[in-house]
PDB file of N, CA and C in Angstrom:
ATOM      1  N   MET A   1      -2.359   9.970  -9.624  1.00  0.00           N
ATOM      2  CA  MET A   1      -2.022   8.619 -10.010  1.00  0.00           C
ATOM      3  C   MET A   1      -3.287   7.858 -10.395  1.00  0.00           C
ATOM      4  N   ILE A   2      -4.380   8.130  -9.700  1.00  0.00           N
ATOM      5  CA  ILE A   2      -5.638   7.458 -10.019  1.00  0.00           C
ATOM      6  C   ILE A   2      -6.124   7.866 -11.406  1.00  0.00           C
ATOM      7  N   ILE A   3      -6.063   9.166 -11.682  1.00  0.00           N
ATOM      8  CA  ILE A   3      -6.504   9.645 -13.000  1.00  0.00           C
ATOM      9  C   ILE A   3      -5.657   9.046 -14.098  1.00  0.00           C
ATOM     10  N   GLN A   4      -4.346   9.008 -13.900  1.00  0.00           N
ATOM     11  CA  GLN A   4      -3.470   8.456 -14.934  1.00  0.00           C
ATOM     12  C   GLN A   4      -3.726   6.971 -15.136  1.00  0.00           C
ATOM     13  N   ARG A   5      -3.935   6.248 -14.072  1.00  0.00           N
ATOM     14  CA  ARG A   5      -4.194   4.810 -14.199  1.00  0.00           C
ATOM     15  C   ARG A   5      -5.530   4.553 -14.892  1.00  0.00           C
ATOM     16  N   ALA A   6      -6.542   5.354 -14.552  1.00  0.00           N
ATOM     17  CA  ALA A   6      -7.877   5.145 -15.122  1.00  0.00           C
ATOM     18  C   ALA A   6      -7.975   5.562 -16.587  1.00  0.00           C
ATOM     19  N   THR A   7      -7.236   6.615 -16.961  1.00  0.00           N
ATOM     20  CA  THR A   7      -7.375   7.161 -18.319  1.00  0.00           C
ATOM     21  C   THR A   7      -6.185   6.890 -19.223  1.00  0.00           C
ATOM     22  N   GLY A   8      -5.033   6.579 -18.627  1.00  0.00           N
ATOM     23  CA  GLY A   8      -3.824   6.420 -19.416  1.00  0.00           C
ATOM     24  C   GLY A   8      -3.170   7.745 -19.765  1.00  0.00           C
ATOM     25  N   GLN A   9      -3.712   8.844 -19.252  1.00  0.00           N
ATOM     26  CA  GLN A   9      -3.193  10.181 -19.525  1.00  0.00           C
ATOM     27  C   GLN A   9      -2.769  10.842 -18.222  1.00  0.00           C
ATOM     28  N   PRO A  10      -1.780  11.742 -18.269  1.00  0.00           N
ATOM     29  CA  PRO A  10      -1.434  12.505 -17.066  1.00  0.00           C
ATOM     30  C   PRO A  10      -2.632  13.332 -16.604  1.00  0.00           C
ATOM     31  N   ALA A  11      -2.735  13.556 -15.311  1.00  0.00           N
ATOM     32  CA  ALA A  11      -3.876  14.273 -14.738  1.00  0.00           C
ATOM     33  C   ALA A  11      -4.037  15.669 -15.333  1.00  0.00           C
ATOM     34  N   HIS A  12      -2.916  16.373 -15.578  1.00  0.00           N
ATOM     35  CA  HIS A  12      -3.053  17.731 -16.118  1.00  0.00           C
ATOM     36  C   HIS A  12      -3.651  17.716 -17.523  1.00  0.00           C
ATOM     37  N   ARG A  13      -3.362  16.699 -18.326  1.00  0.00           N
ATOM     38  CA  ARG A  13      -3.949  16.599 -19.665  1.00  0.00           C
ATOM     39  C   ARG A  13      -5.453  16.340 -19.579  1.00  0.00           C
ATOM     40  N   GLU A  14      -5.854  15.498 -18.667  1.00  0.00           N
ATOM     41  CA  GLU A  14      -7.277  15.221 -18.475  1.00  0.00           C
ATOM     42  C   GLU A  14      -8.009  16.472 -18.001  1.00  0.00           C
ATOM     43  N   SER A  15      -7.398  17.226 -17.090  1.00  0.00           N
ATOM     44  CA  SER A  15      -8.009  18.465 -16.608  1.00  0.00           C
ATOM     45  C   SER A  15      -8.178  19.454 -17.753  1.00  0.00           C
ATOM     46  N   GLU A  16      -7.165  19.569 -18.586  1.00  0.00           N
ATOM     47  CA  GLU A  16      -7.233  20.486 -19.717  1.00  0.00           C
ATOM     48  C   GLU A  16      -8.317  20.062 -20.700  1.00  0.00           C
ATOM     49  N   GLY A  17      -8.348  18.772 -21.033  1.00  0.00           N
ATOM     50  CA  GLY A  17      -9.297  18.279 -22.033  1.00  0.00           C
ATOM     51  C   GLY A  17     -10.729  18.169 -21.559  1.00  0.00           C
ATOM     52  N   ARG A  18     -10.943  17.849 -20.305  1.00  0.00           N
ATOM     53  CA  ARG A  18     -12.297  17.633 -19.791  1.00  0.00           C
ATOM     54  C   ARG A  18     -12.903  18.853 -19.112  1.00  0.00           C
ATOM     55  N   ILE A  19     -12.061  19.781 -18.663  1.00  0.00           N
ATOM     56  CA  ILE A  19     -12.583  20.925 -17.902  1.00  0.00           C
ATOM     57  C   ILE A  19     -12.221  22.251 -18.560  1.00  0.00           C
ATOM     58  N   LEU A  20     -10.937  22.516 -18.705  1.00  0.00           N
ATOM     59  CA  LEU A  20     -10.512  23.842 -19.150  1.00  0.00           C
ATOM     60  C   LEU A  20     -10.981  24.181 -20.565  1.00  0.00           C
ATOM     61  N   ARG A  21     -10.661  23.330 -21.544  1.00  0.00           N
ATOM     62  CA  ARG A  21     -11.050  23.624 -22.928  1.00  0.00           C
ATOM     63  C   ARG A  21     -12.562  23.701 -23.120  1.00  0.00           C
ATOM     64  N   PRO A  22     -13.332  22.732 -22.622  1.00  0.00           N
ATOM     65  CA  PRO A  22     -14.783  22.818 -22.821  1.00  0.00           C
ATOM     66  C   PRO A  22     -15.422  24.065 -22.199  1.00  0.00           C
ATOM     67  N   LEU A  23     -14.870  24.570 -21.120  1.00  0.00           N
ATOM     68  CA  LEU A  23     -15.414  25.762 -20.473  1.00  0.00           C
ATOM     69  C   LEU A  23     -14.851  27.056 -21.054  1.00  0.00           C
ATOM     70  N   GLY A  24     -13.927  26.960 -21.995  1.00  0.00           N
ATOM     71  CA  GLY A  24     -13.326  28.155 -22.580  1.00  0.00           C
ATOM     72  C   GLY A  24     -12.356  28.849 -21.647  1.00  0.00           C
ATOM     73  N   ILE A  25     -11.806  28.100 -20.720  1.00  0.00           N
ATOM     74  CA  ILE A  25     -10.821  28.646 -19.785  1.00  0.00           C
ATOM     75  C   ILE A  25      -9.467  28.539 -20.478  1.00  0.00           C
ATOM     76  N   ASP A  26      -9.035  29.658 -21.080  1.00  0.00           N
ATOM     77  CA  ASP A  26      -7.883  29.602 -21.970  1.00  0.00           C
ATOM     78  C   ASP A  26      -6.631  30.315 -21.478  1.00  0.00           C
ATOM     79  N   ARG A  27      -6.680  30.856 -20.268  1.00  0.00           N
ATOM     80  CA  ARG A  27      -5.485  31.522 -19.746  1.00  0.00           C
ATOM     81  C   ARG A  27      -4.928  30.815 -18.517  1.00  0.00           C
ATOM     82  N   THR A  28      -5.393  29.619 -18.294  1.00  0.00           N
ATOM     83  CA  THR A  28      -4.908  28.801 -17.188  1.00  0.00           C
ATOM     84  C   THR A  28      -3.885  27.831 -17.750  1.00  0.00           C
ATOM     85  N   ARG A  29      -2.760  27.703 -17.069  1.00  0.00           N
ATOM     86  CA  ARG A  29      -1.672  26.864 -17.562  1.00  0.00           C
ATOM     87  C   ARG A  29      -1.161  25.949 -16.465  1.00  0.00           C
ATOM     88  N   CYS A  30      -0.772  24.756 -16.883  1.00  0.00           N
ATOM     89  CA  CYS A  30      -0.069  23.846 -15.986  1.00  0.00           C
ATOM     90  C   CYS A  30       1.347  24.371 -15.863  1.00  0.00           C
ATOM     91  N   THR A  31       1.863  24.427 -14.649  1.00  0.00           N
ATOM     92  CA  THR A  31       3.181  25.019 -14.442  1.00  0.00           C
ATOM     93  C   THR A  31       4.313  24.101 -14.851  1.00  0.00           C
ATOM     94  N   GLY A  32       4.053  22.811 -14.991  1.00  0.00           N
ATOM     95  CA  GLY A  32       5.111  21.889 -15.371  1.00  0.00           C
ATOM     96  C   GLY A  32       6.188  21.833 -14.320  1.00  0.00           C
ATOM     97  N   THR A  33       7.405  22.016 -14.739  1.00  0.00           N
ATOM     98  CA  THR A  33       8.514  21.925 -13.791  1.00  0.00           C
ATOM     99  C   THR A  33       9.154  23.277 -13.507  1.00  0.00           C
ATOM    100  N   SER A  34       8.517  24.365 -13.935  1.00  0.00           N
ATOM    101  CA  SER A  34       9.076  25.690 -13.694  1.00  0.00           C
ATOM    102  C   SER A  34       8.847  26.110 -12.245  1.00  0.00           C
ATOM    103  N   PRO A  35       9.884  26.552 -11.561  1.00  0.00           N
ATOM    104  CA  PRO A  35       9.709  26.995 -10.172  1.00  0.00           C
ATOM    105  C   PRO A  35       9.193  28.425 -10.054  1.00  0.00           C
ATOM    106  N   THR A  36       8.969  29.108 -11.185  1.00  0.00           N
ATOM    107  CA  THR A  36       8.503  30.487 -11.138  1.00  0.00           C
ATOM    108  C   THR A  36       7.173  30.620 -11.875  1.00  0.00           C
ATOM    109  N   LEU A  37       6.453  31.676 -11.552  1.00  0.00           N
ATOM    110  CA  LEU A  37       5.188  31.950 -12.207  1.00  0.00           C
ATOM    111  C   LEU A  37       5.439  32.661 -13.528  1.00  0.00           C
ATOM    112  N   PRO A  38       4.602  32.393 -14.551  1.00  0.00           N
ATOM    113  CA  PRO A  38       4.763  33.124 -15.800  1.00  0.00           C
ATOM    114  C   PRO A  38       4.357  34.580 -15.620  1.00  0.00           C
ATOM    115  N   ARG A  39       5.013  35.470 -16.334  1.00  0.00           N
ATOM    116  CA  ARG A  39       4.706  36.897 -16.240  1.00  0.00           C
ATOM    117  C   ARG A  39       3.669  37.257 -17.289  1.00  0.00           C
ATOM    118  N   PRO A  40       2.833  38.244 -17.055  1.00  0.00           N
ATOM    119  CA  PRO A  40       2.740  39.018 -15.826  1.00  0.00           C
ATOM    120  C   PRO A  40       1.974  38.241 -14.757  1.00  0.00           C
ATOM    121  N   HIS A  41       2.238  38.543 -13.515  1.00  0.00           N
ATOM    122  CA  HIS A  41       1.521  37.916 -12.417  1.00  0.00           C
ATOM    123  C   HIS A  41       1.487  38.861 -11.224  1.00  0.00           C
ATOM    124  N   ALA A  42       0.576  38.581 -10.320  1.00  0.00           N
ATOM    125  CA  ALA A  42       0.475  39.384  -9.106  1.00  0.00           C
ATOM    126  C   ALA A  42       1.628  39.033  -8.175  1.00  0.00           C
ATOM    127  N   ARG A  43       1.913  39.911  -7.269  1.00  0.00           N
ATOM    128  CA  ARG A  43       2.948  39.694  -6.269  1.00  0.00           C
ATOM    129  C   ARG A  43       2.289  39.259  -4.970  1.00  0.00           C
ATOM    130  N   ALA A  44       2.975  38.468  -4.178  1.00  0.00           N
ATOM    131  CA  ALA A  44       2.472  38.022  -2.871  1.00  0.00           C
ATOM    132  C   ALA A  44       3.396  38.566  -1.787  1.00  0.00           C
ATOM    133  N   TYR A  45       2.797  39.118  -0.746  1.00  0.00           N
ATOM    134  CA  TYR A  45       3.577  39.714   0.345  1.00  0.00           C
ATOM    135  C   TYR A  45       3.157  39.106   1.678  1.00  0.00           C
ATOM    136  N   GLN A  46       4.102  38.990   2.573  1.00  0.00           N
ATOM    137  CA  GLN A  46       3.859  38.455   3.915  1.00  0.00           C
ATOM    138  C   GLN A  46       4.372  39.459   4.933  1.00  0.00           C
ATOM    139  N   LEU A  47       3.594  39.672   5.966  1.00  0.00           N
ATOM    140  CA  LEU A  47       3.995  40.564   7.047  1.00  0.00           C
ATOM    141  C   LEU A  47       4.708  39.737   8.109  1.00  0.00           C
ATOM    142  N   PHE A  48       5.970  40.048   8.361  1.00  0.00           N
ATOM    143  CA  PHE A  48       6.779  39.378   9.377  1.00  0.00           C
ATOM    144  C   PHE A  48       7.093  40.378  10.477  1.00  0.00           C
ATOM    145  N   GLY A  49       6.156  40.586  11.362  1.00  0.00           N
ATOM    146  CA  GLY A  49       6.376  41.535  12.453  1.00  0.00           C
ATOM    147  C   GLY A  49       6.063  42.952  12.026  1.00  0.00           C
ATOM    148  N   PRO A  50       6.113  43.876  12.959  1.00  0.00           N
ATOM    149  CA  PRO A  50       5.780  45.269  12.676  1.00  0.00           C
ATOM    150  C   PRO A  50       6.711  45.886  11.630  1.00  0.00           C
ATOM    151  N   GLY A  51       6.126  46.358  10.552  1.00  0.00           N
ATOM    152  CA  GLY A  51       6.890  47.058   9.524  1.00  0.00           C
ATOM    153  C   GLY A  51       7.794  46.199   8.675  1.00  0.00           C
ATOM    154  N   SER A  52       7.685  44.892   8.756  1.00  0.00           N
ATOM    155  CA  SER A  52       8.552  44.002   7.994  1.00  0.00           C
ATOM    156  C   SER A  52       7.740  43.235   6.955  1.00  0.00           C
ATOM    157  N   VAL A  53       7.542  43.846   5.787  1.00  0.00           N
ATOM    158  CA  VAL A  53       6.796  43.223   4.700  1.00  0.00           C
ATOM    159  C   VAL A  53       7.789  42.638   3.711  1.00  0.00           C
ATOM    160  N   VAL A  54       7.613  41.349   3.389  1.00  0.00           N
ATOM    161  CA  VAL A  54       8.551  40.648   2.510  1.00  0.00           C
ATOM    162  C   VAL A  54       7.798  40.117   1.294  1.00  0.00           C
ATOM    163  N   ASP A  55       8.377  40.320   0.110  1.00  0.00           N
ATOM    164  CA  ASP A  55       7.822  39.754  -1.122  1.00  0.00           C
ATOM    165  C   ASP A  55       8.119  38.252  -1.119  1.00  0.00           C
ATOM    166  N   VAL A  56       7.080  37.438  -1.060  1.00  0.00           N
ATOM    167  CA  VAL A  56       7.244  35.981  -0.996  1.00  0.00           C
ATOM    168  C   VAL A  56       6.740  35.298  -2.275  1.00  0.00           C
ATOM    169  N   THR A  57       6.581  36.055  -3.338  1.00  0.00           N
ATOM    170  CA  THR A  57       6.046  35.515  -4.584  1.00  0.00           C
ATOM    171  C   THR A  57       6.828  34.297  -5.057  1.00  0.00           C
ATOM    172  N   ASP A  58       8.131  34.382  -5.067  1.00  0.00           N
ATOM    173  CA  ASP A  58       8.945  33.281  -5.579  1.00  0.00           C
ATOM    174  C   ASP A  58       9.041  32.118  -4.606  1.00  0.00           C
ATOM    175  N   ARG A  59       8.458  32.256  -3.442  1.00  0.00           N
ATOM    176  CA  ARG A  59       8.478  31.166  -2.467  1.00  0.00           C
ATOM    177  C   ARG A  59       7.195  30.343  -2.514  1.00  0.00           C
ATOM    178  N   ILE A  60       6.270  30.721  -3.401  1.00  0.00           N
ATOM    179  CA  ILE A  60       5.036  29.958  -3.571  1.00  0.00           C
ATOM    180  C   ILE A  60       5.362  28.765  -4.459  1.00  0.00           C
ATOM    181  N   PRO A  61       5.191  27.530  -3.957  1.00  0.00           N
ATOM    182  CA  PRO A  61       5.552  26.371  -4.776  1.00  0.00           C
ATOM    183  C   PRO A  61       4.602  26.220  -5.959  1.00  0.00           C
ATOM    184  N   ALA A  62       5.180  26.184  -7.138  1.00  0.00           N
ATOM    185  CA  ALA A  62       4.396  25.987  -8.359  1.00  0.00           C
ATOM    186  C   ALA A  62       5.194  25.116  -9.307  1.00  0.00           C
ATOM    187  N   ALA A  63       5.751  24.034  -8.787  1.00  0.00           N
ATOM    188  CA  ALA A  63       6.651  23.228  -9.602  1.00  0.00           C
ATOM    189  C   ALA A  63       6.179  21.793  -9.796  1.00  0.00           C
ATOM    190  N   HIS A  64       4.956  21.494  -9.470  1.00  0.00           N
ATOM    191  CA  HIS A  64       4.449  20.137  -9.624  1.00  0.00           C
ATOM    192  C   HIS A  64       3.721  20.023 -10.947  1.00  0.00           C
ATOM    193  N   GLU A  65       3.748  18.869 -11.572  1.00  0.00           N
ATOM    194  CA  GLU A  65       3.125  18.720 -12.885  1.00  0.00           C
ATOM    195  C   GLU A  65       1.612  18.923 -12.861  1.00  0.00           C
ATOM    196  N   ASN A  66       0.993  18.877 -11.702  1.00  0.00           N
ATOM    197  CA  ASN A  66      -0.448  19.112 -11.615  1.00  0.00           C
ATOM    198  C   ASN A  66      -0.772  20.429 -10.926  1.00  0.00           C
ATOM    199  N   SER A  67       0.182  21.346 -10.901  1.00  0.00           N
ATOM    200  CA  SER A  67      -0.065  22.685 -10.377  1.00  0.00           C
ATOM    201  C   SER A  67      -0.458  23.586 -11.536  1.00  0.00           C
ATOM    202  N   PHE A  68      -1.481  24.388 -11.327  1.00  0.00           N
ATOM    203  CA  PHE A  68      -1.947  25.288 -12.358  1.00  0.00           C
ATOM    204  C   PHE A  68      -1.851  26.722 -11.863  1.00  0.00           C
ATOM    205  N   VAL A  69      -1.584  27.635 -12.778  1.00  0.00           N
ATOM    206  CA  VAL A  69      -1.687  29.060 -12.498  1.00  0.00           C
ATOM    207  C   VAL A  69      -2.814  29.578 -13.379  1.00  0.00           C
ATOM    208  N   THR A  70      -3.547  30.562 -12.859  1.00  0.00           N
ATOM    209  CA  THR A  70      -4.721  31.026 -13.578  1.00  0.00           C
ATOM    210  C   THR A  70      -4.904  32.521 -13.428  1.00  0.00           C
ATOM    211  N   THR A  71      -5.812  33.044 -14.205  1.00  0.00           N
ATOM    212  CA  THR A  71      -6.187  34.447 -14.101  1.00  0.00           C
ATOM    213  C   THR A  71      -7.471  34.537 -13.288  1.00  0.00           C
ATOM    214  N   THR A  72      -7.771  35.717 -12.832  1.00  0.00           N
ATOM    215  CA  THR A  72      -9.022  35.920 -12.098  1.00  0.00           C
ATOM    216  C   THR A  72     -10.208  35.604 -12.998  1.00  0.00           C
ATOM    217  N   ARG A  73     -10.134  36.011 -14.251  1.00  0.00           N
ATOM    218  CA  ARG A  73     -11.218  35.735 -15.201  1.00  0.00           C
ATOM    219  C   ARG A  73     -11.470  34.240 -15.337  1.00  0.00           C
ATOM    220  N   ASP A  74     -10.405  33.468 -15.521  1.00  0.00           N
ATOM    221  CA  ASP A  74     -10.561  32.024 -15.655  1.00  0.00           C
ATOM    222  C   ASP A  74     -11.077  31.388 -14.370  1.00  0.00           C
ATOM    223  N   GLU A  75     -10.580  31.858 -13.242  1.00  0.00           N
ATOM    224  CA  GLU A  75     -11.043  31.303 -11.971  1.00  0.00           C
ATOM    225  C   GLU A  75     -12.531  31.572 -11.775  1.00  0.00           C
ATOM    226  N   ASN A  76     -12.969  32.775 -12.123  1.00  0.00           N
ATOM    227  CA  ASN A  76     -14.393  33.085 -12.023  1.00  0.00           C
ATOM    228  C   ASN A  76     -15.218  32.216 -12.967  1.00  0.00           C
ATOM    229  N   GLY A  77     -14.710  31.976 -14.171  1.00  0.00           N
ATOM    230  CA  GLY A  77     -15.408  31.097 -15.115  1.00  0.00           C
ATOM    231  C   GLY A  77     -15.532  29.681 -14.580  1.00  0.00           C
ATOM    232  N   PHE A  78     -14.478  29.200 -13.964  1.00  0.00           N
ATOM    233  CA  PHE A  78     -14.496  27.864 -13.367  1.00  0.00           C
ATOM    234  C   PHE A  78     -15.533  27.800 -12.238  1.00  0.00           C
ATOM    235  N   LEU A  79     -15.520  28.791 -11.349  1.00  0.00           N
ATOM    236  CA  LEU A  79     -16.458  28.794 -10.225  1.00  0.00           C
ATOM    237  C   LEU A  79     -17.903  28.939 -10.686  1.00  0.00           C
ATOM    238  N   ARG A  80     -18.146  29.764 -11.718  1.00  0.00           N
ATOM    239  CA  ARG A  80     -19.505  29.892 -12.262  1.00  0.00           C
ATOM    240  C   ARG A  80     -19.985  28.548 -12.809  1.00  0.00           C
ATOM    241  N   ALA A  81     -19.124  27.871 -13.542  1.00  0.00           N
ATOM    242  CA  ALA A  81     -19.488  26.567 -14.104  1.00  0.00           C
ATOM    243  C   ALA A  81     -19.731  25.549 -12.997  1.00  0.00           C
ATOM    244  N   LEU A  82     -18.902  25.569 -11.972  1.00  0.00           N
ATOM    245  CA  LEU A  82     -19.066  24.651 -10.851  1.00  0.00           C
ATOM    246  C   LEU A  82     -20.406  24.871 -10.158  1.00  0.00           C
ATOM    247  N   LEU A  83     -20.704  26.132  -9.843  1.00  0.00           N
ATOM    248  CA  LEU A  83     -21.937  26.440  -9.126  1.00  0.00           C
ATOM    249  C   LEU A  83     -23.185  26.236  -9.984  1.00  0.00           C
ATOM    250  N   ALA A  84     -23.052  26.336 -11.299  1.00  0.00           N
ATOM    251  CA  ALA A  84     -24.197  26.154 -12.201  1.00  0.00           C
ATOM    252  C   ALA A  84     -24.375  24.691 -12.600  1.00  0.00           C
ATOM    253  N   GLY A  85     -23.486  23.807 -12.147  1.00  0.00           N
ATOM    254  CA  GLY A  85     -23.594  22.392 -12.501  1.00  0.00           C
ATOM    255  C   GLY A  85     -23.089  22.077 -13.896  1.00  0.00           C
ATOM    256  N   ARG A  86     -22.283  22.953 -14.492  1.00  0.00           N
ATOM    257  CA  ARG A  86     -21.760  22.729 -15.835  1.00  0.00           C
ATOM    258  C   ARG A  86     -20.323  22.217 -15.853  1.00  0.00           C
ATOM    259  N   LEU A  87     -19.751  21.975 -14.686  1.00  0.00           N
ATOM    260  CA  LEU A  87     -18.344  21.601 -14.630  1.00  0.00           C
ATOM    261  C   LEU A  87     -18.101  20.244 -15.282  1.00  0.00           C
ATOM    262  N   LEU A  88     -18.871  19.268 -14.901  1.00  0.00           N
ATOM    263  CA  LEU A  88     -18.735  17.932 -15.453  1.00  0.00           C
ATOM    264  C   LEU A  88     -20.104  17.422 -15.901  1.00  0.00           C
ATOM    265  N   PRO A  89     -20.129  16.636 -16.964  1.00  0.00           N
ATOM    266  CA  PRO A  89     -21.433  16.117 -17.419  1.00  0.00           C
ATOM    267  C   PRO A  89     -22.009  15.134 -16.411  1.00  0.00           C
ATOM    268  N   THR A  90     -23.337  15.094 -16.338  1.00  0.00           N
ATOM    269  CA  THR A  90     -23.986  14.104 -15.476  1.00  0.00           C
ATOM    270  C   THR A  90     -23.985  12.760 -16.175  1.00  0.00           C
ATOM    271  N   ARG A  91     -23.945  11.712 -15.403  1.00  0.00           N
ATOM    272  CA  ARG A  91     -23.955  10.343 -15.991  1.00  0.00           C
ATOM    273  C   ARG A  91     -24.959   9.507 -15.300  1.00  0.00           C
TER     274      ARG A  91
END
């Protein structure tokens, strides 16, 4: 809400324009209102007691307008930029 009030744009648009595009992070997507992950994607499993492994992939909430899904490559690019001080310009 703060980002939208300050910029007049939804937070996900600001993230895309100020962070993702400038860093060349091109496989990260805002999930929008979809309750499922786009394919292909990794599966998530939870151990519920001895020998009881359950696929919980579809139980991971990804339905908020500011939720993003990403690839390992994009996540590594983001972390490299963050640690190198290239994430946001200095002012």
